[in-house]
Structures are given as structure tokens and as C-alpha cells.
């Protein structure tokens, strides 16, 4: 199942002082890529992470994201949305 995860900052942070945590975050993201769970990752215009995950379900995605260093430290969390196939083209088909 594809999952869209949108990062939200929970508090104002001086990111200059979080360089070690940000390195750990990048390492954790890379491990998710290697495990085939993280398929795509971006930053929004507000510098929040946008992830496309491949997971069995929402619970697995939640577990993976809760192990990220920024989430563990209570700096960020994620809004998780299941992505389902678009079915609108079926309206165009004449059976």
C-alpha cells in the first residue's frame, strides 16, 4: 500500500543546533530507502518532508515514522494518508 506522509513541526527549533540529529535523520531515511519502504522523499516549499512509503498498512507506516530521530525527540510528527488507485477513468469506459 502506498502511504503519503507529511511532516509537521511541533515546536520552533534552532536547526543550526540540531546538526547531529539531522545527520541521524538522514541516516534513518537512507535505511528506509534500503529496506524498500521509502520510495520517494521531498521537501515542501516550507521545508517540511514529504514521503511516499510502501507499507503493508497505516500501522506499519506509523511504526517506521515513529522511529525517526526527529519524531523520537518530539520535534516533528507526520500526517499519514493511505493512497488508493484513482478510479475516475472508469467513468469514461463504455461497457
PDB file of N, CA and C in Angstrom:
ATOM      1  N   UNK A   1       0.836  -1.162   0.000  1.00  0.00           N
ATOM      2  CA  UNK A   1       0.000   0.000   0.000  1.00  0.00           C
ATOM      3  C   UNK A   1       0.890   1.237   0.000  1.00  0.00           C
ATOM      4  N   UNK A   2       0.539   2.206  -0.833  1.00  0.00           N
ATOM      5  CA  UNK A   2       1.270   3.477  -0.838  1.00  0.00           C
ATOM      6  C   UNK A   2       0.733   4.373   0.266  1.00  0.00           C
ATOM      7  N   UNK A   3       1.668   5.029   0.936  1.00  0.00           N
ATOM      8  CA  UNK A   3       1.342   5.936   2.033  1.00  0.00           C
ATOM      9  C   UNK A   3       1.988   7.285   1.744  1.00  0.00           C
ATOM     10  N   UNK A   4       1.225   8.343   1.910  1.00  0.00           N
ATOM     11  CA  UNK A   4       1.763   9.697   1.845  1.00  0.00           C
ATOM     12  C   UNK A   4       1.936  10.183   3.273  1.00  0.00           C
ATOM     13  N   UNK A   5       3.135  10.636   3.617  1.00  0.00           N
ATOM     14  CA  UNK A   5       3.414  11.123   4.969  1.00  0.00           C
ATOM     15  C   UNK A   5       3.912  12.559   4.871  1.00  0.00           C
ATOM     16  N   UNK A   6       3.195  13.464   5.532  1.00  0.00           N
ATOM     17  CA  UNK A   6       3.530  14.878   5.528  1.00  0.00           C
ATOM     18  C   UNK A   6       4.050  15.278   6.900  1.00  0.00           C
ATOM     19  N   UNK A   7       5.274  15.764   6.949  1.00  0.00           N
ATOM     20  CA  UNK A   7       5.895  16.150   8.205  1.00  0.00           C
ATOM     21  C   UNK A   7       5.321  17.476   8.706  1.00  0.00           C
ATOM     22  N   UNK A   8       5.155  17.547  10.019  1.00  0.00           N
ATOM     23  CA  UNK A   8       4.732  18.789  10.667  1.00  0.00           C
ATOM     24  C   UNK A   8       5.662  19.049  11.842  1.00  0.00           C
ATOM     25  N   UNK A   9       6.152  20.286  11.938  1.00  0.00           N
ATOM     26  CA  UNK A   9       6.984  20.661  13.083  1.00  0.00           C
ATOM     27  C   UNK A   9       6.076  20.906  14.276  1.00  0.00           C
ATOM     28  N   UNK A  10       6.470  20.380  15.431  1.00  0.00           N
ATOM     29  CA  UNK A  10       5.675  20.514  16.643  1.00  0.00           C
ATOM     30  C   UNK A  10       6.090  21.708  17.488  1.00  0.00           C
ATOM     31  N   UNK A  11       7.307  22.188  17.266  1.00  0.00           N
ATOM     32  CA  UNK A  11       7.782  23.347  18.018  1.00  0.00           C
ATOM     33  C   UNK A  11       8.852  24.060  17.210  1.00  0.00           C
ATOM     34  N   UNK A  12       9.092  25.298  17.557  1.00  0.00           N
ATOM     35  CA  UNK A  12      10.123  26.082  16.883  1.00  0.00           C
ATOM     36  C   UNK A  12      11.494  25.595  17.348  1.00  0.00           C
ATOM     37  N   UNK A  13      12.354  25.345  16.379  1.00  0.00           N
ATOM     38  CA  UNK A  13      13.674  24.773  16.655  1.00  0.00           C
ATOM     39  C   UNK A  13      14.754  25.610  15.980  1.00  0.00           C
ATOM     40  N   UNK A  14      15.882  25.757  16.641  1.00  0.00           N
ATOM     41  CA  UNK A  14      17.069  26.332  16.017  1.00  0.00           C
ATOM     42  C   UNK A  14      17.786  25.171  15.321  1.00  0.00           C
ATOM     43  N   UNK A  15      17.571  25.051  14.021  1.00  0.00           N
ATOM     44  CA  UNK A  15      18.095  23.911  13.273  1.00  0.00           C
ATOM     45  C   UNK A  15      19.620  23.897  13.245  1.00  0.00           C
ATOM     46  N   UNK A  16      20.252  25.042  13.441  1.00  0.00           N
ATOM     47  CA  UNK A  16      21.718  25.102  13.490  1.00  0.00           C
ATOM     48  C   UNK A  16      22.252  24.235  14.635  1.00  0.00           C
ATOM     49  N   UNK A  17      21.475  24.122  15.696  1.00  0.00           N
ATOM     50  CA  UNK A  17      21.899  23.354  16.869  1.00  0.00           C
ATOM     51  C   UNK A  17      21.491  21.882  16.791  1.00  0.00           C
ATOM     52  N   UNK A  18      20.863  21.494  15.712  1.00  0.00           N
ATOM     53  CA  UNK A  18      20.368  20.121  15.568  1.00  0.00           C
ATOM     54  C   UNK A  18      21.138  19.337  14.503  1.00  0.00           C
ATOM     55  N   UNK A  19      22.373  19.744  14.199  1.00  0.00           N
ATOM     56  CA  UNK A  19      23.096  19.110  13.097  1.00  0.00           C
ATOM     57  C   UNK A  19      23.296  17.606  13.315  1.00  0.00           C
ATOM     58  N   UNK A  20      23.592  17.181  14.537  1.00  0.00           N
ATOM     59  CA  UNK A  20      23.774  15.746  14.794  1.00  0.00           C
ATOM     60  C   UNK A  20      22.465  14.987  14.592  1.00  0.00           C
ATOM     61  N   UNK A  21      21.377  15.576  15.064  1.00  0.00           N
ATOM     62  CA  UNK A  21      20.065  14.932  14.898  1.00  0.00           C
ATOM     63  C   UNK A  21      19.693  14.867  13.424  1.00  0.00           C
ATOM     64  N   UNK A  22      20.000  15.915  12.658  1.00  0.00           N
ATOM     65  CA  UNK A  22      19.675  15.915  11.233  1.00  0.00           C
ATOM     66  C   UNK A  22      20.500  14.882  10.471  1.00  0.00           C
ATOM     67  N   UNK A  23      21.740  14.658  10.887  1.00  0.00           N
ATOM     68  CA  UNK A  23      22.551  13.603  10.271  1.00  0.00           C
ATOM     69  C   UNK A  23      21.938  12.239  10.581  1.00  0.00           C
ATOM     70  N   UNK A  24      21.520  12.035  11.821  1.00  0.00           N
ATOM     71  CA  UNK A  24      20.868  10.772  12.194  1.00  0.00           C
ATOM     72  C   UNK A  24      19.555  10.588  11.430  1.00  0.00           C
ATOM     73  N   UNK A  25      18.836  11.681  11.230  1.00  0.00           N
ATOM     74  CA  UNK A  25      17.582  11.617  10.465  1.00  0.00           C
ATOM     75  C   UNK A  25      17.852  11.170   9.028  1.00  0.00           C
ATOM     76  N   UNK A  26      18.890  11.740   8.416  1.00  0.00           N
ATOM     77  CA  UNK A  26      19.250  11.361   7.045  1.00  0.00           C
ATOM     78  C   UNK A  26      19.666   9.891   6.974  1.00  0.00           C
ATOM     79  N   UNK A  27      20.415   9.426   7.971  1.00  0.00           N
ATOM     80  CA  UNK A  27      20.810   8.006   8.010  1.00  0.00           C
ATOM     81  C   UNK A  27      19.580   7.114   8.122  1.00  0.00           C
ATOM     82  N   UNK A  28      18.639   7.517   8.955  1.00  0.00           N
ATOM     83  CA  UNK A  28      17.412   6.729   9.133  1.00  0.00           C
ATOM     84  C   UNK A  28      16.590   6.699   7.851  1.00  0.00           C
ATOM     85  N   UNK A  29      16.524   7.823   7.168  1.00  0.00           N
ATOM     86  CA  UNK A  29      15.792   7.877   5.895  1.00  0.00           C
ATOM     87  C   UNK A  29      16.462   6.959   4.868  1.00  0.00           C
ATOM     88  N   UNK A  30      17.787   6.975   4.843  1.00  0.00           N
ATOM     89  CA  UNK A  30      18.508   6.120   3.906  1.00  0.00           C
ATOM     90  C   UNK A  30      18.244   4.641   4.203  1.00  0.00           C
ATOM     91  N   UNK A  31      18.193   4.278   5.477  1.00  0.00           N
ATOM     92  CA  UNK A  31      17.875   2.892   5.840  1.00  0.00           C
ATOM     93  C   UNK A  31      16.476   2.512   5.361  1.00  0.00           C
ATOM     94  N   UNK A  32      15.539   3.461   5.415  1.00  0.00           N
ATOM     95  CA  UNK A  32      14.188   3.185   4.912  1.00  0.00           C
ATOM     96  C   UNK A  32      14.194   2.990   3.395  1.00  0.00           C
ATOM     97  N   UNK A  33      15.055   3.734   2.698  1.00  0.00           N
ATOM     98  CA  UNK A  33      15.206   3.533   1.250  1.00  0.00           C
ATOM     99  C   UNK A  33      15.744   2.133   0.980  1.00  0.00           C
ATOM    100  N   UNK A  34      16.784   1.753   1.710  1.00  0.00           N
ATOM    101  CA  UNK A  34      17.396   0.434   1.509  1.00  0.00           C
ATOM    102  C   UNK A  34      16.433  -0.704   1.832  1.00  0.00           C
ATOM    103  N   UNK A  35      15.514  -0.470   2.749  1.00  0.00           N
ATOM    104  CA  UNK A  35      14.545  -1.509   3.123  1.00  0.00           C
ATOM    105  C   UNK A  35      13.346  -1.547   2.174  1.00  0.00           C
ATOM    106  N   UNK A  36      13.346  -0.683   1.167  1.00  0.00           N
ATOM    107  CA  UNK A  36      12.253  -0.584   0.175  1.00  0.00           C
ATOM    108  C   UNK A  36      10.959  -0.021   0.745  1.00  0.00           C
ATOM    109  N   UNK A  37      11.013   0.591   1.897  1.00  0.00           N
ATOM    110  CA  UNK A  37       9.811   1.223   2.449  1.00  0.00           C
ATOM    111  C   UNK A  37       9.681   2.673   1.986  1.00  0.00           C
ATOM    112  N   UNK A  38      10.792   3.375   1.876  1.00  0.00           N
ATOM    113  CA  UNK A  38      10.762   4.769   1.445  1.00  0.00           C
ATOM    114  C   UNK A  38      11.028   4.811  -0.046  1.00  0.00           C
ATOM    115  N   UNK A  39      10.000   5.185  -0.813  1.00  0.00           N
ATOM    116  CA  UNK A  39      10.113   5.191  -2.274  1.00  0.00           C
ATOM    117  C   UNK A  39      10.509   6.563  -2.814  1.00  0.00           C
ATOM    118  N   UNK A  40      10.001   7.627  -2.190  1.00  0.00           N
ATOM    119  CA  UNK A  40      10.308   8.983  -2.626  1.00  0.00           C
ATOM    120  C   UNK A  40      10.336   9.882  -1.404  1.00  0.00           C
ATOM    121  N   UNK A  41      11.183  10.932  -1.476  1.00  0.00           N
ATOM    122  CA  UNK A  41      11.232  11.909  -0.391  1.00  0.00           C
ATOM    123  C   UNK A  41      11.522  13.283  -0.985  1.00  0.00           C
ATOM    124  N   UNK A  42      10.814  14.254  -0.478  1.00  0.00           N
ATOM    125  CA  UNK A  42      10.919  15.631  -0.965  1.00  0.00           C
ATOM    126  C   UNK A  42      10.866  16.582   0.220  1.00  0.00           C
ATOM    127  N   UNK A  43      11.151  17.871  -0.053  1.00  0.00           N
ATOM    128  CA  UNK A  43      10.847  18.943   0.876  1.00  0.00           C
ATOM    129  C   UNK A  43       9.783  19.818   0.232  1.00  0.00           C
ATOM    130  N   UNK A  44       8.824  20.253   1.025  1.00  0.00           N
ATOM    131  CA  UNK A  44       7.825  21.207   0.545  1.00  0.00           C
ATOM    132  C   UNK A  44       8.460  22.593   0.506  1.00  0.00           C
ATOM    133  N   UNK A  45       7.700  23.565  -0.006  1.00  0.00           N
ATOM    134  CA  UNK A  45       8.224  24.933  -0.050  1.00  0.00           C
ATOM    135  C   UNK A  45       8.484  25.492   1.349  1.00  0.00           C
ATOM    136  N   UNK A  46       7.874  24.883   2.366  1.00  0.00           N
ATOM    137  CA  UNK A  46       8.104  25.306   3.751  1.00  0.00           C
ATOM    138  C   UNK A  46       9.180  24.462   4.436  1.00  0.00           C
ATOM    139  N   UNK A  47       9.871  23.639   3.654  1.00  0.00           N
ATOM    140  CA  UNK A  47      10.972  22.791   4.133  1.00  0.00           C
ATOM    141  C   UNK A  47      10.511  21.624   5.011  1.00  0.00           C
ATOM    142  N   UNK A  48       9.254  21.228   4.888  1.00  0.00           N
ATOM    143  CA  UNK A  48       8.774  20.037   5.590  1.00  0.00           C
ATOM    144  C   UNK A  48       8.954  18.827   4.675  1.00  0.00           C
ATOM    145  N   UNK A  49       9.290  17.703   5.271  1.00  0.00           N
ATOM    146  CA  UNK A  49       9.492  16.476   4.497  1.00  0.00           C
ATOM    147  C   UNK A  49       8.155  15.937   3.995  1.00  0.00           C
ATOM    148  N   UNK A  50       8.183  15.427   2.774  1.00  0.00           N
ATOM    149  CA  UNK A  50       7.040  14.765   2.151  1.00  0.00           C
ATOM    150  C   UNK A  50       7.553  13.406   1.694  1.00  0.00           C
ATOM    151  N   UNK A  51       6.981  12.336   2.256  1.00  0.00           N
ATOM    152  CA  UNK A  51       7.459  10.989   1.968  1.00  0.00           C
ATOM    153  C   UNK A  51       6.382  10.166   1.290  1.00  0.00           C
ATOM    154  N   UNK A  52       6.810   9.342   0.347  1.00  0.00           N
ATOM    155  CA  UNK A  52       5.964   8.302  -0.226  1.00  0.00           C
ATOM    156  C   UNK A  52       6.542   6.982   0.265  1.00  0.00           C
ATOM    157  N   UNK A  53       5.748   6.261   1.029  1.00  0.00           N
ATOM    158  CA  UNK A  53       6.174   4.986   1.605  1.00  0.00           C
ATOM    159  C   UNK A  53       5.420   3.831   0.960  1.00  0.00           C
ATOM    160  N   UNK A  54       6.016   2.680   0.996  1.00  0.00           N
ATOM    161  CA  UNK A  54       5.347   1.440   0.607  1.00  0.00           C
ATOM    162  C   UNK A  54       5.324   0.566   1.851  1.00  0.00           C
ATOM    163  N   UNK A  55       4.120   0.325   2.377  1.00  0.00           N
ATOM    164  CA  UNK A  55       3.959  -0.422   3.622  1.00  0.00           C
ATOM    165  C   UNK A  55       2.769  -1.363   3.505  1.00  0.00           C
ATOM    166  N   UNK A  56       2.702  -2.312   4.426  1.00  0.00           N
ATOM    167  CA  UNK A  56       1.557  -3.220   4.470  1.00  0.00           C
ATOM    168  C   UNK A  56       0.280  -2.466   4.812  1.00  0.00           C
ATOM    169  N   UNK A  57       0.397  -1.479   5.713  1.00  0.00           N
ATOM    170  CA  UNK A  57      -0.782  -0.728   6.152  1.00  0.00           C
ATOM    171  C   UNK A  57      -0.335   0.544   6.875  1.00  0.00           C
ATOM    172  N   UNK A  58      -1.299   1.315   7.309  1.00  0.00           N
ATOM    173  CA  UNK A  58      -1.056   2.571   8.011  1.00  0.00           C
ATOM    174  C   UNK A  58      -0.256   2.350   9.302  1.00  0.00           C
ATOM    175  N   UNK A  59      -0.551   1.257  10.017  1.00  0.00           N
ATOM    176  CA  UNK A  59       0.149   0.980  11.273  1.00  0.00           C
ATOM    177  C   UNK A  59       1.643   0.767  11.057  1.00  0.00           C
ATOM    178  N   UNK A  60       1.993   0.032  10.009  1.00  0.00           N
ATOM    179  CA  UNK A  60       3.416  -0.181   9.724  1.00  0.00           C
ATOM    180  C   UNK A  60       4.091   1.149   9.401  1.00  0.00           C
ATOM    181  N   UNK A  61       3.443   1.994   8.616  1.00  0.00           N
ATOM    182  CA  UNK A  61       3.995   3.312   8.289  1.00  0.00           C
ATOM    183  C   UNK A  61       4.203   4.130   9.561  1.00  0.00           C
ATOM    184  N   UNK A  62       3.218   4.096  10.428  1.00  0.00           N
ATOM    185  CA  UNK A  62       3.305   4.832  11.683  1.00  0.00           C
ATOM    186  C   UNK A  62       4.488   4.346  12.520  1.00  0.00           C
ATOM    187  N   UNK A  63       4.682   3.036  12.594  1.00  0.00           N
ATOM    188  CA  UNK A  63       5.809   2.477  13.358  1.00  0.00           C
ATOM    189  C   UNK A  63       7.145   2.922  12.774  1.00  0.00           C
ATOM    190  N   UNK A  64       7.261   2.886  11.455  1.00  0.00           N
ATOM    191  CA  UNK A  64       8.511   3.298  10.811  1.00  0.00           C
ATOM    192  C   UNK A  64       8.806   4.770  11.082  1.00  0.00           C
ATOM    193  N   UNK A  65       7.802   5.601  10.938  1.00  0.00           N
ATOM    194  CA  UNK A  65       7.992   7.043  11.119  1.00  0.00           C
ATOM    195  C   UNK A  65       8.259   7.406  12.581  1.00  0.00           C
ATOM    196  N   UNK A  66       7.653   6.667  13.500  1.00  0.00           N
ATOM    197  CA  UNK A  66       7.871   6.943  14.927  1.00  0.00           C
ATOM    198  C   UNK A  66       9.296   6.635  15.371  1.00  0.00           C
ATOM    199  N   UNK A  67      10.042   5.887  14.559  1.00  0.00           N
ATOM    200  CA  UNK A  67      11.436   5.576  14.889  1.00  0.00           C
ATOM    201  C   UNK A  67      12.419   6.594  14.326  1.00  0.00           C
ATOM    202  N   UNK A  68      11.941   7.594  13.594  1.00  0.00           N
ATOM    203  CA  UNK A  68      12.833   8.625  13.082  1.00  0.00           C
ATOM    204  C   UNK A  68      13.285   9.529  14.228  1.00  0.00           C
ATOM    205  N   UNK A  69      14.550   9.946  14.234  1.00  0.00           N
ATOM    206  CA  UNK A  69      15.079  10.746  15.345  1.00  0.00           C
ATOM    207  C   UNK A  69      14.292  12.022  15.652  1.00  0.00           C
ATOM    208  N   UNK A  70      13.853  12.746  14.632  1.00  0.00           N
ATOM    209  CA  UNK A  70      13.113  13.986  14.892  1.00  0.00           C
ATOM    210  C   UNK A  70      11.766  13.709  15.551  1.00  0.00           C
ATOM    211  N   UNK A  71      11.149  12.593  15.211  1.00  0.00           N
ATOM    212  CA  UNK A  71       9.884  12.213  15.836  1.00  0.00           C
ATOM    213  C   UNK A  71      10.147  11.769  17.275  1.00  0.00           C
ATOM    214  N   UNK A  72      11.168  10.962  17.479  1.00  0.00           N
ATOM    215  CA  UNK A  72      11.512  10.497  18.830  1.00  0.00           C
ATOM    216  C   UNK A  72      11.791  11.653  19.786  1.00  0.00           C
ATOM    217  N   UNK A  73      12.410  12.720  19.258  1.00  0.00           N
ATOM    218  CA  UNK A  73      12.728  13.882  20.090  1.00  0.00           C
ATOM    219  C   UNK A  73      11.539  14.828  20.262  1.00  0.00           C
ATOM    220  N   UNK A  74      10.412  14.511  19.630  1.00  0.00           N
ATOM    221  CA  UNK A  74       9.232  15.359  19.761  1.00  0.00           C
ATOM    222  C   UNK A  74       9.319  16.661  18.978  1.00  0.00           C
ATOM    223  N   UNK A  75      10.199  16.701  17.983  1.00  0.00           N
ATOM    224  CA  UNK A  75      10.368  17.904  17.170  1.00  0.00           C
ATOM    225  C   UNK A  75       9.355  17.931  16.028  1.00  0.00           C
ATOM    226  N   UNK A  76       9.105  16.766  15.436  1.00  0.00           N
ATOM    227  CA  UNK A  76       8.160  16.665  14.317  1.00  0.00           C
ATOM    228  C   UNK A  76       7.247  15.462  14.523  1.00  0.00           C
ATOM    229  N   UNK A  77       6.199  15.421  13.728  1.00  0.00           N
ATOM    230  CA  UNK A  77       5.397  14.211  13.572  1.00  0.00           C
ATOM    231  C   UNK A  77       4.896  14.189  12.137  1.00  0.00           C
ATOM    232  N   UNK A  78       4.116  13.193  11.793  1.00  0.00           N
ATOM    233  CA  UNK A  78       3.664  13.033  10.417  1.00  0.00           C
ATOM    234  C   UNK A  78       2.162  12.847  10.354  1.00  0.00           C
ATOM    235  N   UNK A  79       1.561  13.469   9.359  1.00  0.00           N
ATOM    236  CA  UNK A  79       0.188  13.161   8.987  1.00  0.00           C
ATOM    237  C   UNK A  79       0.298  12.049   7.951  1.00  0.00           C
ATOM    238  N   UNK A  80      -0.403  10.959   8.182  1.00  0.00           N
ATOM    239  CA  UNK A  80      -0.306   9.782   7.327  1.00  0.00           C
ATOM    240  C   UNK A  80      -1.610   9.598   6.559  1.00  0.00           C
ATOM    241  N   UNK A  81      -1.484   9.403   5.251  1.00  0.00           N
ATOM    242  CA  UNK A  81      -2.650   9.172   4.402  1.00  0.00           C
ATOM    243  C   UNK A  81      -2.405   7.961   3.513  1.00  0.00           C
ATOM    244  N   UNK A  82      -3.377   7.073   3.470  1.00  0.00           N
ATOM    245  CA  UNK A  82      -3.307   5.953   2.537  1.00  0.00           C
ATOM    246  C   UNK A  82      -3.642   6.477   1.144  1.00  0.00           C
ATOM    247  N   UNK A  83      -2.887   6.023   0.154  1.00  0.00           N
ATOM    248  CA  UNK A  83      -3.160   6.393  -1.229  1.00  0.00           C
ATOM    249  C   UNK A  83      -3.765   5.194  -1.941  1.00  0.00           C
ATOM    250  N   UNK A  84      -4.905   5.419  -2.560  1.00  0.00           N
ATOM    251  CA  UNK A  84      -5.609   4.364  -3.281  1.00  0.00           C
ATOM    252  C   UNK A  84      -5.625   4.690  -4.772  1.00  0.00           C
ATOM    253  N   UNK A  85      -5.728   3.674  -5.611  1.00  0.00           N
ATOM    254  CA  UNK A  85      -5.735   3.926  -7.057  1.00  0.00           C
ATOM    255  C   UNK A  85      -6.886   4.848  -7.463  1.00  0.00           C
ATOM    256  N   UNK A  86      -6.620   5.694  -8.438  1.00  0.00           N
ATOM    257  CA  UNK A  86      -7.641   6.568  -8.996  1.00  0.00           C
ATOM    258  C   UNK A  86      -8.593   5.731  -9.838  1.00  0.00           C
ATOM    259  N   UNK A  87      -9.868   5.865  -9.578  1.00  0.00           N
ATOM    260  CA  UNK A  87     -10.872   5.065 -10.307  1.00  0.00           C
ATOM    261  C   UNK A  87     -11.700   5.917 -11.269  1.00  0.00           C
ATOM    262  N   UNK A  88     -11.396   7.195 -11.366  1.00  0.00           N
ATOM    263  CA  UNK A  88     -12.202   8.098 -12.190  1.00  0.00           C
ATOM    264  C   UNK A  88     -12.234   7.764 -13.671  1.00  0.00           C
ATOM    265  N   UNK A  89     -11.179   7.150 -14.188  1.00  0.00           N
ATOM    266  CA  UNK A  89     -11.174   6.829 -15.614  1.00  0.00           C
ATOM    267  C   UNK A  89     -12.244   5.805 -15.977  1.00  0.00           C
ATOM    268  N   UNK A  90     -12.699   5.023 -14.972  1.00  0.00           N
ATOM    269  CA  UNK A  90     -13.748   4.032 -15.252  1.00  0.00           C
ATOM    270  C   UNK A  90     -15.023   4.724 -15.729  1.00  0.00           C
ATOM    271  N   UNK A  91     -15.201   5.993 -15.395  1.00  0.00           N
ATOM    272  CA  UNK A  91     -16.377   6.743 -15.852  1.00  0.00           C
ATOM    273  C   UNK A  91     -16.355   6.976 -17.350  1.00  0.00           C
ATOM    274  N   UNK A  92     -15.187   6.855 -17.956  1.00  0.00           N
ATOM    275  CA  UNK A  92     -15.034   7.103 -19.378  1.00  0.00           C
ATOM    276  C   UNK A  92     -15.227   5.861 -20.228  1.00  0.00           C
ATOM    277  N   UNK A  93     -15.201   4.701 -19.595  1.00  0.00           N
ATOM    278  CA  UNK A  93     -15.281   3.435 -20.311  1.00  0.00           C
ATOM    279  C   UNK A  93     -16.740   3.055 -20.588  1.00  0.00           C
ATOM    280  N   UNK A  94     -16.975   2.671 -21.818  1.00  0.00           N
ATOM    281  CA  UNK A  94     -18.313   2.197 -22.184  1.00  0.00           C
ATOM    282  C   UNK A  94     -18.252   0.674 -22.197  1.00  0.00           C
ATOM    283  N   UNK A  95     -19.076   0.072 -21.375  1.00  0.00           N
ATOM    284  CA  UNK A  95     -19.064  -1.401 -21.273  1.00  0.00           C
ATOM    285  C   UNK A  95     -20.156  -2.019 -22.084  1.00  0.00           C
TER     286      UNK A  95
END
